[in-house]
Amino acid sequence: MYACAKGTLTADMVHWKDAAACCVIMASAGYPASSHKGDVISGLDAVDKEDVMVFHSGTAKKDGQYVTNGGRVLGVTAVAPDLKSAIEKAYANVKRIHFDGQQVRSDIGAKGLKHLK
């Protein structure tokens, strides 16, 4: 990104992966109106270490533990050879993470799968 911003990005600096990705957002209770804060987040250590990334957004650390800090709390992202597998892997890892009042949409990637048929 830095090279892109500086205008020094070259074609040999960009590497593509022949794969698909899916990101499922975990939101806190009350989102999008007024979000709850301070709920302990558990299960982050149970997430797959390979091809899964958990992006923190609405989190904070309190007494050495991650807690919700309102809104969109986490983005659980999985990479796999195809979209169906990426969706399944993302949701499988979402199920490993818990906090009170968590909200998760169940249709992420559905439109993309329809277009592939």
PDB file of N, CA and C in Angstrom:
ATOM      1  N   MET A   1       0.819  -1.179   0.000  1.00  0.00           N
ATOM      2  CA  MET A   1       0.000   0.000   0.000  1.00  0.00           C
ATOM      3  C   MET A   1       0.872   1.254   0.000  1.00  0.00           C
ATOM      4  N   TYR A   2       1.950   1.184   0.745  1.00  0.00           N
ATOM      5  CA  TYR A   2       2.839   2.341   0.811  1.00  0.00           C
ATOM      6  C   TYR A   2       3.402   2.659  -0.572  1.00  0.00           C
ATOM      7  N   ALA A   3       3.831   1.614  -1.286  1.00  0.00           N
ATOM      8  CA  ALA A   3       4.369   1.810  -2.634  1.00  0.00           C
ATOM      9  C   ALA A   3       3.302   2.382  -3.559  1.00  0.00           C
ATOM     10  N   CYS A   4       2.075   1.942  -3.387  1.00  0.00           N
ATOM     11  CA  CYS A   4       0.973   2.455  -4.203  1.00  0.00           C
ATOM     12  C   CYS A   4       0.754   3.943  -3.919  1.00  0.00           C
ATOM     13  N   ALA A   5       0.759   4.303  -2.651  1.00  0.00           N
ATOM     14  CA  ALA A   5       0.553   5.695  -2.265  1.00  0.00           C
ATOM     15  C   ALA A   5       1.679   6.593  -2.769  1.00  0.00           C
ATOM     16  N   LYS A   6       2.896   6.044  -2.800  1.00  0.00           N
ATOM     17  CA  LYS A   6       4.045   6.817  -3.271  1.00  0.00           C
ATOM     18  C   LYS A   6       4.141   6.850  -4.789  1.00  0.00           C
ATOM     19  N   GLY A   7       3.354   5.996  -5.469  1.00  0.00           N
ATOM     20  CA  GLY A   7       3.420   5.936  -6.925  1.00  0.00           C
ATOM     21  C   GLY A   7       4.562   5.077  -7.429  1.00  0.00           C
ATOM     22  N   THR A   8       5.093   4.194  -6.572  1.00  0.00           N
ATOM     23  CA  THR A   8       6.229   3.351  -6.969  1.00  0.00           C
ATOM     24  C   THR A   8       5.855   1.880  -7.094  1.00  0.00           C
ATOM     25  N   LEU A   9       4.564   1.584  -7.110  1.00  0.00           N
ATOM     26  CA  LEU A   9       4.106   0.201  -7.225  1.00  0.00           C
ATOM     27  C   LEU A   9       4.391  -0.323  -8.629  1.00  0.00           C
ATOM     28  N   THR A  10       5.001  -1.487  -8.699  1.00  0.00           N
ATOM     29  CA  THR A  10       5.277  -2.114  -9.993  1.00  0.00           C
ATOM     30  C   THR A  10       4.554  -3.451 -10.068  1.00  0.00           C
ATOM     31  N   ALA A  11       4.372  -3.954 -11.276  1.00  0.00           N
ATOM     32  CA  ALA A  11       3.627  -5.199 -11.498  1.00  0.00           C
ATOM     33  C   ALA A  11       4.246  -6.376 -10.753  1.00  0.00           C
ATOM     34  N   ASP A  12       5.564  -6.413 -10.643  1.00  0.00           N
ATOM     35  CA  ASP A  12       6.195  -7.553  -9.970  1.00  0.00           C
ATOM     36  C   ASP A  12       6.036  -7.505  -8.446  1.00  0.00           C
ATOM     37  N   MET A  13       5.478  -6.411  -7.914  1.00  0.00           N
ATOM     38  CA  MET A  13       5.241  -6.308  -6.478  1.00  0.00           C
ATOM     39  C   MET A  13       3.872  -6.867  -6.088  1.00  0.00           C
ATOM     40  N   VAL A  14       3.011  -7.084  -7.065  1.00  0.00           N
ATOM     41  CA  VAL A  14       1.654  -7.552  -6.801  1.00  0.00           C
ATOM     42  C   VAL A  14       1.580  -9.044  -7.087  1.00  0.00           C
ATOM     43  N   HIS A  15       1.118  -9.804  -6.089  1.00  0.00           N
ATOM     44  CA  HIS A  15       0.999 -11.253  -6.233  1.00  0.00           C
ATOM     45  C   HIS A  15      -0.450 -11.650  -5.979  1.00  0.00           C
ATOM     46  N   TRP A  16      -1.037 -12.339  -6.931  1.00  0.00           N
ATOM     47  CA  TRP A  16      -2.419 -12.790  -6.815  1.00  0.00           C
ATOM     48  C   TRP A  16      -2.461 -14.229  -6.357  1.00  0.00           C
ATOM     49  N   LYS A  17      -3.477 -14.561  -5.598  1.00  0.00           N
ATOM     50  CA  LYS A  17      -3.699 -15.925  -5.154  1.00  0.00           C
ATOM     51  C   LYS A  17      -4.991 -16.411  -5.812  1.00  0.00           C
ATOM     52  N   ASP A  18      -4.951 -17.564  -6.437  1.00  0.00           N
ATOM     53  CA  ASP A  18      -6.137 -18.126  -7.078  1.00  0.00           C
ATOM     54  C   ASP A  18      -6.999 -18.770  -6.002  1.00  0.00           C
ATOM     55  N   ALA A  19      -7.796 -17.944  -5.330  1.00  0.00           N
ATOM     56  CA  ALA A  19      -8.605 -18.412  -4.209  1.00  0.00           C
ATOM     57  C   ALA A  19      -9.770 -17.450  -4.009  1.00  0.00           C
ATOM     58  N   ALA A  20     -10.613 -17.785  -3.063  1.00  0.00           N
ATOM     59  CA  ALA A  20     -11.750 -16.940  -2.704  1.00  0.00           C
ATOM     60  C   ALA A  20     -11.667 -16.617  -1.218  1.00  0.00           C
ATOM     61  N   ALA A  21     -12.305 -15.525  -0.835  1.00  0.00           N
ATOM     62  CA  ALA A  21     -12.327 -15.134   0.573  1.00  0.00           C
ATOM     63  C   ALA A  21     -13.743 -14.762   0.985  1.00  0.00           C
ATOM     64  N   CYS A  22     -14.023 -14.933   2.264  1.00  0.00           N
ATOM     65  CA  CYS A  22     -15.319 -14.563   2.829  1.00  0.00           C
ATOM     66  C   CYS A  22     -15.076 -13.960   4.206  1.00  0.00           C
ATOM     67  N   CYS A  23     -15.697 -12.809   4.460  1.00  0.00           N
ATOM     68  CA  CYS A  23     -15.579 -12.156   5.763  1.00  0.00           C
ATOM     69  C   CYS A  23     -16.963 -12.041   6.392  1.00  0.00           C
ATOM     70  N   VAL A  24     -17.119 -12.614   7.576  1.00  0.00           N
ATOM     71  CA  VAL A  24     -18.375 -12.562   8.322  1.00  0.00           C
ATOM     72  C   VAL A  24     -18.177 -11.634   9.520  1.00  0.00           C
ATOM     73  N   ILE A  25     -19.031 -10.626   9.611  1.00  0.00           N
ATOM     74  CA  ILE A  25     -18.945  -9.656  10.701  1.00  0.00           C
ATOM     75  C   ILE A  25     -19.726 -10.158  11.909  1.00  0.00           C
ATOM     76  N   MET A  26     -19.106 -10.061  13.064  1.00  0.00           N
ATOM     77  CA  MET A  26     -19.773 -10.353  14.334  1.00  0.00           C
ATOM     78  C   MET A  26     -20.012  -9.007  15.020  1.00  0.00           C
ATOM     79  N   ALA A  27     -21.287  -8.664  15.225  1.00  0.00           N
ATOM     80  CA  ALA A  27     -21.649  -7.373  15.809  1.00  0.00           C
ATOM     81  C   ALA A  27     -22.155  -7.558  17.240  1.00  0.00           C
ATOM     82  N   SER A  28     -22.078  -6.474  18.004  1.00  0.00           N
ATOM     83  CA  SER A  28     -22.512  -6.544  19.401  1.00  0.00           C
ATOM     84  C   SER A  28     -24.017  -6.332  19.521  1.00  0.00           C
ATOM     85  N   ALA A  29     -24.549  -6.698  20.669  1.00  0.00           N
ATOM     86  CA  ALA A  29     -25.976  -6.541  20.949  1.00  0.00           C
ATOM     87  C   ALA A  29     -26.385  -5.088  20.750  1.00  0.00           C
ATOM     88  N   GLY A  30     -27.537  -4.891  20.131  1.00  0.00           N
ATOM     89  CA  GLY A  30     -28.049  -3.544  19.918  1.00  0.00           C
ATOM     90  C   GLY A  30     -27.620  -2.891  18.625  1.00  0.00           C
ATOM     91  N   TYR A  31     -26.622  -3.461  17.952  1.00  0.00           N
ATOM     92  CA  TYR A  31     -26.149  -2.893  16.694  1.00  0.00           C
ATOM     93  C   TYR A  31     -27.253  -3.012  15.654  1.00  0.00           C
ATOM     94  N   PRO A  32     -27.543  -2.036  14.829  1.00  0.00           N
ATOM     95  CA  PRO A  32     -26.788  -0.807  14.601  1.00  0.00           C
ATOM     96  C   PRO A  32     -27.234   0.388  15.447  1.00  0.00           C
ATOM     97  N   ALA A  33     -28.300   0.255  16.214  1.00  0.00           N
ATOM     98  CA  ALA A  33     -28.790   1.400  16.987  1.00  0.00           C
ATOM     99  C   ALA A  33     -27.796   1.783  18.081  1.00  0.00           C
ATOM    100  N   SER A  34     -27.937   1.186  19.232  1.00  0.00           N
ATOM    101  CA  SER A  34     -26.991   1.456  20.321  1.00  0.00           C
ATOM    102  C   SER A  34     -26.351   0.132  20.706  1.00  0.00           C
ATOM    103  N   SER A  35     -25.063   0.063  20.596  1.00  0.00           N
ATOM    104  CA  SER A  35     -24.343  -1.192  20.804  1.00  0.00           C
ATOM    105  C   SER A  35     -23.910  -1.365  22.246  1.00  0.00           C
ATOM    106  N   HIS A  36     -23.958  -2.610  22.690  1.00  0.00           N
ATOM    107  CA  HIS A  36     -23.525  -2.960  24.041  1.00  0.00           C
ATOM    108  C   HIS A  36     -22.004  -3.060  24.077  1.00  0.00           C
ATOM    109  N   LYS A  37     -21.410  -2.670  25.181  1.00  0.00           N
ATOM    110  CA  LYS A  37     -19.955  -2.712  25.337  1.00  0.00           C
ATOM    111  C   LYS A  37     -19.578  -3.470  26.603  1.00  0.00           C
ATOM    112  N   GLY A  38     -18.369  -4.035  26.604  1.00  0.00           N
ATOM    113  CA  GLY A  38     -17.816  -4.646  27.802  1.00  0.00           C
ATOM    114  C   GLY A  38     -18.019  -6.137  27.952  1.00  0.00           C
ATOM    115  N   ASP A  39     -18.631  -6.795  26.958  1.00  0.00           N
ATOM    116  CA  ASP A  39     -18.822  -8.247  27.043  1.00  0.00           C
ATOM    117  C   ASP A  39     -17.522  -8.962  26.688  1.00  0.00           C
ATOM    118  N   VAL A  40     -17.146  -9.940  27.497  1.00  0.00           N
ATOM    119  CA  VAL A  40     -15.911 -10.700  27.270  1.00  0.00           C
ATOM    120  C   VAL A  40     -16.043 -11.534  26.000  1.00  0.00           C
ATOM    121  N   ILE A  41     -15.003 -11.511  25.177  1.00  0.00           N
ATOM    122  CA  ILE A  41     -14.948 -12.294  23.943  1.00  0.00           C
ATOM    123  C   ILE A  41     -14.108 -13.532  24.222  1.00  0.00           C
ATOM    124  N   SER A  42     -14.683 -14.701  23.991  1.00  0.00           N
ATOM    125  CA  SER A  42     -13.941 -15.949  24.193  1.00  0.00           C
ATOM    126  C   SER A  42     -13.850 -16.716  22.880  1.00  0.00           C
ATOM    127  N   GLY A  43     -12.907 -17.644  22.825  1.00  0.00           N
ATOM    128  CA  GLY A  43     -12.765 -18.518  21.671  1.00  0.00           C
ATOM    129  C   GLY A  43     -11.819 -18.042  20.595  1.00  0.00           C
ATOM    130  N   LEU A  44     -11.232 -16.888  20.759  1.00  0.00           N
ATOM    131  CA  LEU A  44     -10.311 -16.389  19.728  1.00  0.00           C
ATOM    132  C   LEU A  44      -9.130 -17.332  19.532  1.00  0.00           C
ATOM    133  N   ASP A  45      -8.710 -17.991  20.596  1.00  0.00           N
ATOM    134  CA  ASP A  45      -7.580 -18.918  20.499  1.00  0.00           C
ATOM    135  C   ASP A  45      -7.968 -20.229  19.822  1.00  0.00           C
ATOM    136  N   ALA A  46      -9.259 -20.477  19.620  1.00  0.00           N
ATOM    137  CA  ALA A  46      -9.731 -21.712  18.984  1.00  0.00           C
ATOM    138  C   ALA A  46      -9.887 -21.577  17.470  1.00  0.00           C
ATOM    139  N   VAL A  47      -9.677 -20.375  16.953  1.00  0.00           N
ATOM    140  CA  VAL A  47      -9.820 -20.134  15.515  1.00  0.00           C
ATOM    141  C   VAL A  47      -8.693 -20.826  14.761  1.00  0.00           C
ATOM    142  N   ASP A  48      -9.021 -21.369  13.576  1.00  0.00           N
ATOM    143  CA  ASP A  48      -8.000 -21.996  12.729  1.00  0.00           C
ATOM    144  C   ASP A  48      -6.850 -21.027  12.501  1.00  0.00           C
ATOM    145  N   LYS A  49      -5.648 -21.542  12.537  1.00  0.00           N
ATOM    146  CA  LYS A  49      -4.465 -20.696  12.344  1.00  0.00           C
ATOM    147  C   LYS A  49      -4.102 -20.555  10.860  1.00  0.00           C
ATOM    148  N   GLU A  50      -4.619 -21.464  10.036  1.00  0.00           N
ATOM    149  CA  GLU A  50      -4.272 -21.447   8.616  1.00  0.00           C
ATOM    150  C   GLU A  50      -5.436 -20.911   7.786  1.00  0.00           C
ATOM    151  N   ASP A  51      -5.181 -19.890   7.008  1.00  0.00           N
ATOM    152  CA  ASP A  51      -6.150 -19.302   6.078  1.00  0.00           C
ATOM    153  C   ASP A  51      -7.370 -18.684   6.750  1.00  0.00           C
ATOM    154  N   VAL A  52      -7.263 -18.326   8.019  1.00  0.00           N
ATOM    155  CA  VAL A  52      -8.330 -17.616   8.721  1.00  0.00           C
ATOM    156  C   VAL A  52      -7.703 -16.445   9.469  1.00  0.00           C
ATOM    157  N   MET A  53      -8.303 -15.269   9.314  1.00  0.00           N
ATOM    158  CA  MET A  53      -7.840 -14.072  10.003  1.00  0.00           C
ATOM    159  C   MET A  53      -9.023 -13.439  10.718  1.00  0.00           C
ATOM    160  N   VAL A  54      -8.802 -12.972  11.919  1.00  0.00           N
ATOM    161  CA  VAL A  54      -9.844 -12.279  12.665  1.00  0.00           C
ATOM    162  C   VAL A  54      -9.408 -10.824  12.798  1.00  0.00           C
ATOM    163  N   PHE A  55     -10.174  -9.943  12.171  1.00  0.00           N
ATOM    164  CA  PHE A  55      -9.878  -8.517  12.215  1.00  0.00           C
ATOM    165  C   PHE A  55     -10.685  -7.880  13.339  1.00  0.00           C
ATOM    166  N   HIS A  56      -9.992  -7.183  14.227  1.00  0.00           N
ATOM    167  CA  HIS A  56     -10.637  -6.517  15.356  1.00  0.00           C
ATOM    168  C   HIS A  56     -11.079  -5.131  14.918  1.00  0.00           C
ATOM    169  N   SER A  57     -12.302  -4.778  15.297  1.00  0.00           N
ATOM    170  CA  SER A  57     -12.813  -3.451  15.008  1.00  0.00           C
ATOM    171  C   SER A  57     -13.358  -2.838  16.295  1.00  0.00           C
ATOM    172  N   GLY A  58     -14.467  -3.371  16.777  1.00  0.00           N
ATOM    173  CA  GLY A  58     -15.066  -2.861  18.005  1.00  0.00           C
ATOM    174  C   GLY A  58     -14.658  -3.694  19.201  1.00  0.00           C
ATOM    175  N   THR A  59     -13.348  -3.736  19.471  1.00  0.00           N
ATOM    176  CA  THR A  59     -12.852  -4.478  20.628  1.00  0.00           C
ATOM    177  C   THR A  59     -11.984  -3.569  21.492  1.00  0.00           C
ATOM    178  N   ALA A  60     -11.828  -3.979  22.720  1.00  0.00           N
ATOM    179  CA  ALA A  60     -10.919  -3.303  23.651  1.00  0.00           C
ATOM    180  C   ALA A  60     -10.330  -4.392  24.533  1.00  0.00           C
ATOM    181  N   LYS A  61      -9.279  -4.052  25.240  1.00  0.00           N
ATOM    182  CA  LYS A  61      -8.686  -5.000  26.178  1.00  0.00           C
ATOM    183  C   LYS A  61      -8.913  -4.493  27.592  1.00  0.00           C
ATOM    184  N   LYS A  62      -9.465  -5.388  28.426  1.00  0.00           N
ATOM    185  CA  LYS A  62      -9.739  -5.031  29.815  1.00  0.00           C
ATOM    186  C   LYS A  62      -9.280  -6.187  30.684  1.00  0.00           C
ATOM    187  N   ASP A  63      -8.394  -5.902  31.610  1.00  0.00           N
ATOM    188  CA  ASP A  63      -7.864  -6.928  32.518  1.00  0.00           C
ATOM    189  C   ASP A  63      -7.299  -8.120  31.754  1.00  0.00           C
ATOM    190  N   GLY A  64      -6.626  -7.843  30.640  1.00  0.00           N
ATOM    191  CA  GLY A  64      -5.978  -8.895  29.860  1.00  0.00           C
ATOM    192  C   GLY A  64      -6.897  -9.694  28.959  1.00  0.00           C
ATOM    193  N   GLN A  65      -8.170  -9.316  28.891  1.00  0.00           N
ATOM    194  CA  GLN A  65      -9.119 -10.026  28.035  1.00  0.00           C
ATOM    195  C   GLN A  65      -9.689  -9.083  26.989  1.00  0.00           C
ATOM    196  N   TYR A  66     -10.000  -9.639  25.817  1.00  0.00           N
ATOM    197  CA  TYR A  66     -10.685  -8.841  24.810  1.00  0.00           C
ATOM    198  C   TYR A  66     -12.155  -8.737  25.184  1.00  0.00           C
ATOM    199  N   VAL A  67     -12.696  -7.530  25.056  1.00  0.00           N
ATOM    200  CA  VAL A  67     -14.110  -7.282  25.321  1.00  0.00           C
ATOM    201  C   VAL A  67     -14.699  -6.492  24.158  1.00  0.00           C
ATOM    202  N   THR A  68     -16.020  -6.552  24.040  1.00  0.00           N
ATOM    203  CA  THR A  68     -16.684  -5.788  22.989  1.00  0.00           C
ATOM    204  C   THR A  68     -16.610  -4.307  23.315  1.00  0.00           C
ATOM    205  N   ASN A  69     -16.502  -3.502  22.261  1.00  0.00           N
ATOM    206  CA  ASN A  69     -16.477  -2.057  22.430  1.00  0.00           C
ATOM    207  C   ASN A  69     -17.515  -1.410  21.515  1.00  0.00           C
ATOM    208  N   GLY A  70     -18.550  -2.198  21.177  1.00  0.00           N
ATOM    209  CA  GLY A  70     -19.665  -1.682  20.399  1.00  0.00           C
ATOM    210  C   GLY A  70     -19.533  -1.872  18.904  1.00  0.00           C
ATOM    211  N   GLY A  71     -20.666  -1.887  18.237  1.00  0.00           N
ATOM    212  CA  GLY A  71     -20.718  -1.939  16.778  1.00  0.00           C
ATOM    213  C   GLY A  71     -20.267  -3.248  16.178  1.00  0.00           C
ATOM    214  N   ARG A  72     -19.559  -3.115  15.073  1.00  0.00           N
ATOM    215  CA  ARG A  72     -19.001  -4.281  14.392  1.00  0.00           C
ATOM    216  C   ARG A  72     -17.754  -4.699  15.158  1.00  0.00           C
ATOM    217  N   VAL A  73     -17.840  -5.786  15.856  1.00  0.00           N
ATOM    218  CA  VAL A  73     -16.799  -6.187  16.793  1.00  0.00           C
ATOM    219  C   VAL A  73     -15.642  -6.882  16.091  1.00  0.00           C
ATOM    220  N   LEU A  74     -15.942  -7.932  15.329  1.00  0.00           N
ATOM    221  CA  LEU A  74     -14.908  -8.737  14.672  1.00  0.00           C
ATOM    222  C   LEU A  74     -15.298  -9.036  13.231  1.00  0.00           C
ATOM    223  N   GLY A  75     -14.305  -9.168  12.377  1.00  0.00           N
ATOM    224  CA  GLY A  75     -14.499  -9.647  11.009  1.00  0.00           C
ATOM    225  C   GLY A  75     -13.737 -10.952  10.865  1.00  0.00           C
ATOM    226  N   VAL A  76     -14.453 -12.059  10.782  1.00  0.00           N
ATOM    227  CA  VAL A  76     -13.821 -13.375  10.660  1.00  0.00           C
ATOM    228  C   VAL A  76     -13.708 -13.687   9.175  1.00  0.00           C
ATOM    229  N   THR A  77     -12.481 -13.734   8.682  1.00  0.00           N
ATOM    230  CA  THR A  77     -12.216 -13.884   7.255  1.00  0.00           C
ATOM    231  C   THR A  77     -11.501 -15.188   6.983  1.00  0.00           C
ATOM    232  N   ALA A  78     -12.013 -15.926   5.999  1.00  0.00           N
ATOM    233  CA  ALA A  78     -11.407 -17.204   5.613  1.00  0.00           C
ATOM    234  C   ALA A  78     -11.077 -17.184   4.131  1.00  0.00           C
ATOM    235  N   VAL A  79      -9.977 -17.827   3.781  1.00  0.00           N
ATOM    236  CA  VAL A  79      -9.547 -17.978   2.391  1.00  0.00           C
ATOM    237  C   VAL A  79      -9.553 -19.462   2.071  1.00  0.00           C
ATOM    238  N   ALA A  80     -10.088 -19.808   0.893  1.00  0.00           N
ATOM    239  CA  ALA A  80     -10.171 -21.210   0.473  1.00  0.00           C
ATOM    240  C   ALA A  80     -10.121 -21.270  -1.056  1.00  0.00           C
ATOM    241  N   PRO A  81      -9.962 -22.454  -1.614  1.00  0.00           N
ATOM    242  CA  PRO A  81      -9.865 -22.582  -3.074  1.00  0.00           C
ATOM    243  C   PRO A  81     -11.094 -22.084  -3.836  1.00  0.00           C
ATOM    244  N   ASP A  82     -12.273 -22.132  -3.205  1.00  0.00           N
ATOM    245  CA  ASP A  82     -13.495 -21.678  -3.878  1.00  0.00           C
ATOM    246  C   ASP A  82     -14.384 -20.954  -2.871  1.00  0.00           C
ATOM    247  N   LEU A  83     -15.372 -20.212  -3.389  1.00  0.00           N
ATOM    248  CA  LEU A  83     -16.212 -19.386  -2.529  1.00  0.00           C
ATOM    249  C   LEU A  83     -17.007 -20.213  -1.523  1.00  0.00           C
ATOM    250  N   LYS A  84     -17.585 -21.313  -1.952  1.00  0.00           N
ATOM    251  CA  LYS A  84     -18.377 -22.154  -1.048  1.00  0.00           C
ATOM    252  C   LYS A  84     -17.532 -22.603   0.146  1.00  0.00           C
ATOM    253  N   SER A  85     -16.321 -23.034  -0.116  1.00  0.00           N
ATOM    254  CA  SER A  85     -15.431 -23.482   0.961  1.00  0.00           C
ATOM    255  C   SER A  85     -15.025 -22.327   1.867  1.00  0.00           C
ATOM    256  N   ALA A  86     -14.807 -21.150   1.290  1.00  0.00           N
ATOM    257  CA  ALA A  86     -14.439 -19.977   2.092  1.00  0.00           C
ATOM    258  C   ALA A  86     -15.582 -19.586   3.028  1.00  0.00           C
ATOM    259  N   ILE A  87     -16.805 -19.629   2.516  1.00  0.00           N
ATOM    260  CA  ILE A  87     -17.976 -19.309   3.339  1.00  0.00           C
ATOM    261  C   ILE A  87     -18.098 -20.306   4.488  1.00  0.00           C
ATOM    262  N   GLU A  88     -18.000 -21.584   4.163  1.00  0.00           N
ATOM    263  CA  GLU A  88     -18.114 -22.627   5.191  1.00  0.00           C
ATOM    264  C   GLU A  88     -17.036 -22.479   6.258  1.00  0.00           C
ATOM    265  N   LYS A  89     -15.819 -22.181   5.830  1.00  0.00           N
ATOM    266  CA  LYS A  89     -14.705 -22.042   6.776  1.00  0.00           C
ATOM    267  C   LYS A  89     -14.894 -20.808   7.663  1.00  0.00           C
ATOM    268  N   ALA A  90     -15.367 -19.708   7.084  1.00  0.00           N
ATOM    269  CA  ALA A  90     -15.601 -18.499   7.876  1.00  0.00           C
ATOM    270  C   ALA A  90     -16.652 -18.763   8.949  1.00  0.00           C
ATOM    271  N   TYR A  91     -17.773 -19.352   8.554  1.00  0.00           N
ATOM    272  CA  TYR A  91     -18.836 -19.625   9.529  1.00  0.00           C
ATOM    273  C   TYR A  91     -18.420 -20.667  10.565  1.00  0.00           C
ATOM    274  N   ALA A  92     -17.635 -21.649  10.177  1.00  0.00           N
ATOM    275  CA  ALA A  92     -17.150 -22.651  11.141  1.00  0.00           C
ATOM    276  C   ALA A  92     -16.316 -21.981  12.223  1.00  0.00           C
ATOM    277  N   ASN A  93     -15.546 -20.972  11.842  1.00  0.00           N
ATOM    278  CA  ASN A  93     -14.711 -20.273  12.818  1.00  0.00           C
ATOM    279  C   ASN A  93     -15.498 -19.245  13.619  1.00  0.00           C
ATOM    280  N   VAL A  94     -16.532 -18.660  13.030  1.00  0.00           N
ATOM    281  CA  VAL A  94     -17.419 -17.770  13.780  1.00  0.00           C
ATOM    282  C   VAL A  94     -18.023 -18.535  14.955  1.00  0.00           C
ATOM    283  N   LYS A  95     -18.374 -19.796  14.736  1.00  0.00           N
ATOM    284  CA  LYS A  95     -18.993 -20.613  15.789  1.00  0.00           C
ATOM    285  C   LYS A  95     -18.054 -20.865  16.966  1.00  0.00           C
ATOM    286  N   ARG A  96     -16.770 -20.641  16.792  1.00  0.00           N
ATOM    287  CA  ARG A  96     -15.793 -20.866  17.864  1.00  0.00           C
ATOM    288  C   ARG A  96     -15.629 -19.650  18.772  1.00  0.00           C
ATOM    289  N   ILE A  97     -16.147 -18.524  18.327  1.00  0.00           N
ATOM    290  CA  ILE A  97     -15.999 -17.259  19.057  1.00  0.00           C
ATOM    291  C   ILE A  97     -17.337 -16.918  19.710  1.00  0.00           C
ATOM    292  N   HIS A  98     -17.273 -16.444  20.956  1.00  0.00           N
ATOM    293  CA  HIS A  98     -18.514 -16.144  21.675  1.00  0.00           C
ATOM    294  C   HIS A  98     -18.402 -14.848  22.473  1.00  0.00           C
ATOM    295  N   PHE A  99     -19.490 -14.088  22.475  1.00  0.00           N
ATOM    296  CA  PHE A  99     -19.682 -12.983  23.413  1.00  0.00           C
ATOM    297  C   PHE A  99     -21.185 -12.751  23.537  1.00  0.00           C
ATOM    298  N   ASP A 100     -21.607 -12.267  24.689  1.00  0.00           N
ATOM    299  CA  ASP A 100     -23.031 -12.063  24.953  1.00  0.00           C
ATOM    300  C   ASP A 100     -23.648 -11.138  23.912  1.00  0.00           C
ATOM    301  N   GLY A 101     -24.811 -11.540  23.413  1.00  0.00           N
ATOM    302  CA  GLY A 101     -25.560 -10.704  22.485  1.00  0.00           C
ATOM    303  C   GLY A 101     -25.005 -10.635  21.079  1.00  0.00           C
ATOM    304  N   GLN A 102     -24.066 -11.505  20.745  1.00  0.00           N
ATOM    305  CA  GLN A 102     -23.455 -11.430  19.412  1.00  0.00           C
ATOM    306  C   GLN A 102     -24.511 -11.591  18.324  1.00  0.00           C
ATOM    307  N   GLN A 103     -24.315 -10.845  17.241  1.00  0.00           N
ATOM    308  CA  GLN A 103     -25.194 -10.899  16.083  1.00  0.00           C
ATOM    309  C   GLN A 103     -24.361 -11.247  14.859  1.00  0.00           C
ATOM    310  N   VAL A 104     -24.852 -12.209  14.081  1.00  0.00           N
ATOM    311  CA  VAL A 104     -24.146 -12.639  12.875  1.00  0.00           C
ATOM    312  C   VAL A 104     -25.178 -12.895  11.786  1.00  0.00           C
ATOM    313  N   ARG A 105     -24.989 -12.308  10.626  1.00  0.00           N
ATOM    314  CA  ARG A 105     -25.868 -12.623   9.493  1.00  0.00           C
ATOM    315  C   ARG A 105     -25.556 -14.031   9.009  1.00  0.00           C
ATOM    316  N   SER A 106     -26.567 -14.712   8.517  1.00  0.00           N
ATOM    317  CA  SER A 106     -26.380 -16.094   8.060  1.00  0.00           C
ATOM    318  C   SER A 106     -26.331 -16.212   6.543  1.00  0.00           C
ATOM    319  N   ASP A 107     -26.389 -15.083   5.834  1.00  0.00           N
ATOM    320  CA  ASP A 107     -26.469 -15.127   4.373  1.00  0.00           C
ATOM    321  C   ASP A 107     -25.241 -14.564   3.653  1.00  0.00           C
ATOM    322  N   ILE A 108     -24.165 -14.367   4.363  1.00  0.00           N
ATOM    323  CA  ILE A 108     -22.975 -13.785   3.741  1.00  0.00           C
ATOM    324  C   ILE A 108     -22.444 -14.732   2.659  1.00  0.00           C
ATOM    325  N   GLY A 109     -22.259 -14.199   1.464  1.00  0.00           N
ATOM    326  CA  GLY A 109     -21.751 -14.974   0.332  1.00  0.00           C
ATOM    327  C   GLY A 109     -22.825 -15.609  -0.526  1.00  0.00           C
ATOM    328  N   ALA A 110     -24.084 -15.579  -0.081  1.00  0.00           N
ATOM    329  CA  ALA A 110     -25.165 -16.247  -0.816  1.00  0.00           C
ATOM    330  C   ALA A 110     -25.346 -15.673  -2.220  1.00  0.00           C
ATOM    331  N   LYS A 111     -25.289 -14.354  -2.361  1.00  0.00           N
ATOM    332  CA  LYS A 111     -25.440 -13.745  -3.692  1.00  0.00           C
ATOM    333  C   LYS A 111     -24.300 -14.157  -4.610  1.00  0.00           C
ATOM    334  N   GLY A 112     -23.109 -14.213  -4.068  1.00  0.00           N
ATOM    335  CA  GLY A 112     -21.955 -14.627  -4.865  1.00  0.00           C
ATOM    336  C   GLY A 112     -22.094 -16.048  -5.365  1.00  0.00           C
ATOM    337  N   LEU A 113     -22.600 -16.932  -4.515  1.00  0.00           N
ATOM    338  CA  LEU A 113     -22.804 -18.325  -4.922  1.00  0.00           C
ATOM    339  C   LEU A 113     -23.842 -18.430  -6.030  1.00  0.00           C
ATOM    340  N   LYS A 114     -24.898 -17.597  -5.968  1.00  0.00           N
ATOM    341  CA  LYS A 114     -25.925 -17.604  -7.019  1.00  0.00           C
ATOM    342  C   LYS A 114     -25.326 -17.221  -8.368  1.00  0.00           C
ATOM    343  N   HIS A 115     -24.426 -16.248  -8.365  1.00  0.00           N
ATOM    344  CA  HIS A 115     -23.808 -15.794  -9.615  1.00  0.00           C
ATOM    345  C   HIS A 115     -22.872 -16.836 -10.207  1.00  0.00           C
ATOM    346  N   LEU A 116     -22.375 -17.725  -9.383  1.00  0.00           N
ATOM    347  CA  LEU A 116     -21.450 -18.752  -9.869  1.00  0.00           C
ATOM    348  C   LEU A 116     -22.165 -19.927 -10.517  1.00  0.00           C
ATOM    349  N   LYS A 117     -23.469 -20.039 -10.288  1.00  0.00           N
ATOM    350  CA  LYS A 117     -24.220 -21.180 -10.841  1.00  0.00           C
ATOM    351  C   LYS A 117     -24.540 -20.986 -12.296  1.00  0.00           C
TER     352      LYS A 117
END
